[in-house]
C-alpha atoms as a PDB file:
ATOM      1  CA  HIS A   1      71.108  41.798   8.961  1.00  0.00           C
ATOM      2  CA  GLU A   2      70.433  43.703  12.144  1.00  0.00           C
ATOM      3  CA  GLN A   3      67.055  45.248  12.831  1.00  0.00           C
ATOM      4  CA  ARG A   4      66.652  48.310  15.012  1.00  0.00           C
ATOM      5  CA  ARG A   5      64.217  48.340  17.890  1.00  0.00           C
ATOM      6  CA  ALA A   6      62.271  51.483  18.660  1.00  0.00           C
ATOM      7  CA  ARG A   7      62.838  52.851  22.140  1.00  0.00           C
ATOM      8  CA  HIS A   8      59.665  53.336  24.112  1.00  0.00           C
ATOM      9  CA  PRO A   9      59.548  56.080  26.766  1.00  0.00           C
ATOM     10  CA  ILE A  10      57.695  53.790  29.192  1.00  0.00           C
ATOM     11  CA  ALA A  11      59.955  51.244  30.840  1.00  0.00           C
ATOM     12  CA  HIS A  12      58.727  47.769  30.014  1.00  0.00           C
ATOM     13  CA  ALA A  13      59.886  44.302  29.204  1.00  0.00           C
ATOM     14  CA  ALA A  14      58.703  42.718  26.003  1.00  0.00           C
ATOM     15  CA  ALA A  15      58.082  39.206  24.808  1.00  0.00           C
ATOM     16  CA  GLY A  16      58.719  38.971  21.135  1.00  0.00           C
ATOM     17  CA  ALA A  17      59.093  36.628  18.253  1.00  0.00           C
ATOM     18  CA  ALA A  18      62.776  35.710  18.226  1.00  0.00           C
ATOM     19  CA  SER A  19      62.843  35.202  14.473  1.00  0.00           C
ATOM     20  CA  PHE A  20      62.220  38.860  13.726  1.00  0.00           C
ATOM     21  CA  HIS A  21      62.975  40.567  17.055  1.00  0.00           C
ATOM     22  CA  SER A  22      59.694  42.431  17.238  1.00  0.00           C
ATOM     23  CA  PRO A  23      58.266  43.146  20.676  1.00  0.00           C
ATOM     24  CA  ILE A  24      54.657  42.063  20.343  1.00  0.00           C
ATOM     25  CA  SER A  25      53.408  41.979  23.910  1.00  0.00           C
ATOM     26  CA  PRO A  26      54.775  44.654  26.199  1.00  0.00           C
ATOM     27  CA  VAL A  27      53.877  44.176  29.816  1.00  0.00           C
ATOM     28  CA  ASP A  28      51.908  46.611  31.931  1.00  0.00           C
ATOM     29  CA  ALA A  29      54.600  48.413  33.934  1.00  0.00           C
ATOM     30  CA  GLY A  30      52.513  48.262  37.093  1.00  0.00           C
ATOM     31  CA  ALA A  31      51.433  44.635  36.732  1.00  0.00           C
ATOM     32  CA  GLY A  32      54.629  42.766  35.976  1.00  0.00           C
ATOM     33  CA  ASP A  33      53.981  39.683  33.861  1.00  0.00           C
ATOM     34  CA  ALA A  34      50.281  39.477  34.786  1.00  0.00           C
ATOM     35  CA  VAL A  35      49.064  41.814  32.021  1.00  0.00           C
ATOM     36  CA  ARG A  36      50.304  42.024  28.436  1.00  0.00           C
ATOM     37  CA  PHE A  37      49.256  44.132  25.484  1.00  0.00           C
ATOM     38  CA  VAL A  38      49.273  43.068  21.847  1.00  0.00           C
ATOM     39  CA  ARG A  39      50.505  45.743  19.487  1.00  0.00           C
ATOM     40  CA  VAL A  40      47.707  46.230  16.970  1.00  0.00           C
ATOM     41  CA  GLY A  41      50.187  46.765  14.141  1.00  0.00           C
ATOM     42  CA  THR A  42      51.358  43.154  14.521  1.00  0.00           C
ATOM     43  CA  LEU A  43      47.905  41.778  13.666  1.00  0.00           C
ATOM     44  CA  ASP A  44      46.871  40.633  10.193  1.00  0.00           C
ATOM     45  CA  ASN A  45      44.033  43.192  10.082  1.00  0.00           C
ATOM     46  CA  PRO A  46      44.993  46.132  12.310  1.00  0.00           C
ATOM     47  CA  ASP A  47      42.337  48.372  10.725  1.00  0.00           C
ATOM     48  CA  ALA A  48      39.691  46.340  12.560  1.00  0.00           C
ATOM     49  CA  LEU A  49      40.872  47.767  15.909  1.00  0.00           C
ATOM     50  CA  PRO A  50      41.185  51.560  15.808  1.00  0.00           C
ATOM     51  CA  PRO A  51      42.802  53.203  18.845  1.00  0.00           C
ATOM     52  CA  ASP A  52      40.812  53.820  22.022  1.00  0.00           C
ATOM     53  CA  ILE A  53      43.218  56.617  22.922  1.00  0.00           C
ATOM     54  CA  HIS A  54      46.184  58.406  21.362  1.00  0.00           C
ATOM     55  CA  ILE A  55      49.194  58.697  23.689  1.00  0.00           C
ATOM     56  CA  PHE A  56      52.431  60.698  23.560  1.00  0.00           C
ATOM     57  CA  THR A  57      50.819  63.231  21.246  1.00  0.00           C
ATOM     58  CA  ALA A  58      53.210  65.947  22.436  1.00  0.00           C
ATOM     59  CA  SER A  59      55.841  64.401  20.161  1.00  0.00           C
ATOM     60  CA  LYS A  60      53.645  63.707  17.143  1.00  0.00           C
ATOM     61  CA  GLN A  61      54.533  65.305  13.839  1.00  0.00           C
ATOM     62  CA  PRO A  62      52.409  68.315  12.866  1.00  0.00           C
ATOM     63  CA  TRP A  63      51.168  66.522   9.739  1.00  0.00           C
ATOM     64  CA  VAL A  64      49.641  63.717  11.846  1.00  0.00           C
ATOM     65  CA  VAL A  65      45.936  64.493  12.197  1.00  0.00           C
ATOM     66  CA  LEU A  66      44.176  62.786  15.077  1.00  0.00           C
ATOM     67  CA  PRO A  67      40.524  61.925  14.561  1.00  0.00           C
ATOM     68  CA  PRO A  68      37.953  63.792  16.611  1.00  0.00           C
ATOM     69  CA  GLY A  69      36.089  61.777  19.180  1.00  0.00           C
ATOM     70  CA  THR A  70      39.068  59.667  20.311  1.00  0.00           C
ATOM     71  CA  PRO A  71      40.789  60.797  23.522  1.00  0.00           C
ATOM     72  CA  ALA A  72      44.332  62.105  23.068  1.00  0.00           C
ATOM     73  CA  VAL A  73      46.890  62.862  25.775  1.00  0.00           C
ATOM     74  CA  GLU A  74      50.306  64.494  25.547  1.00  0.00           C
ATOM     75  CA  GLU A  75      52.106  61.797  27.529  1.00  0.00           C
ATOM     76  CA  TYR A  76      50.840  58.531  29.005  1.00  0.00           C
ATOM     77  CA  TYR A  77      47.302  58.131  30.303  1.00  0.00           C
ATOM     78  CA  ASP A  78      45.680  57.453  33.656  1.00  0.00           C
ATOM     79  CA  ARG A  79      44.100  53.995  33.251  1.00  0.00           C
ATOM     80  CA  GLU A  80      41.587  54.728  36.024  1.00  0.00           C
ATOM     81  CA  LYS A  81      40.283  57.611  33.947  1.00  0.00           C
ATOM     82  CA  TYR A  82      40.264  55.998  30.500  1.00  0.00           C
ATOM     83  CA  TRP A  83      39.846  52.235  30.882  1.00  0.00           C
ATOM     84  CA  PRO A  84      36.310  50.805  31.073  1.00  0.00           C
ATOM     85  CA  GLU A  85      35.373  49.427  34.485  1.00  0.00           C
ATOM     86  CA  GLU A  86      35.278  45.862  33.121  1.00  0.00           C
ATOM     87  CA  SER A  87      38.912  46.186  31.979  1.00  0.00           C
ATOM     88  CA  LEU A  88      39.954  47.596  35.352  1.00  0.00           C
ATOM     89  CA  ALA A  89      38.189  44.701  37.072  1.00  0.00           C
ATOM     90  CA  ARG A  90      40.017  42.144  34.910  1.00  0.00           C
ATOM     91  CA  ARG A  91      43.344  43.813  35.711  1.00  0.00           C
ATOM     92  CA  ARG A  92      42.589  43.786  39.452  1.00  0.00           C
ATOM     93  CA  ALA A  93      41.695  40.084  39.285  1.00  0.00           C
ATOM     94  CA  LEU A  94      44.952  39.274  37.469  1.00  0.00           C
ATOM     95  CA  LEU A  95      46.992  41.268  39.972  1.00  0.00           C
ATOM     96  CA  ALA A  96      45.303  39.478  42.863  1.00  0.00           C
ATOM     97  CA  ARG A  97      46.460  36.116  41.477  1.00  0.00           C
ATOM     98  CA  GLN A  98      50.133  37.132  41.327  1.00  0.00           C
ATOM     99  CA  PRO A  99      52.483  35.673  43.935  1.00  0.00           C
END
């Protein structure tokens, strides 16, 4: 049977598990293959990693209630504003190693 893939508004390539066609590690659009993200929902215990930020909230359903204290943005976020410095430093180091 054919599974549908959700379309993501940010252009990205994805590496996925071929057996179930689920994109599990989208790449950072500005970093090519140097940086990948694991979708928390693909983990065995996703509740252990609550979101650091809620994105694309402009299109959320009105019944979705976002918790106070977690940043939320209508579209995508500015990593320089929201990522911790240590994460930005790791990204810079990975980008510097790219050919």
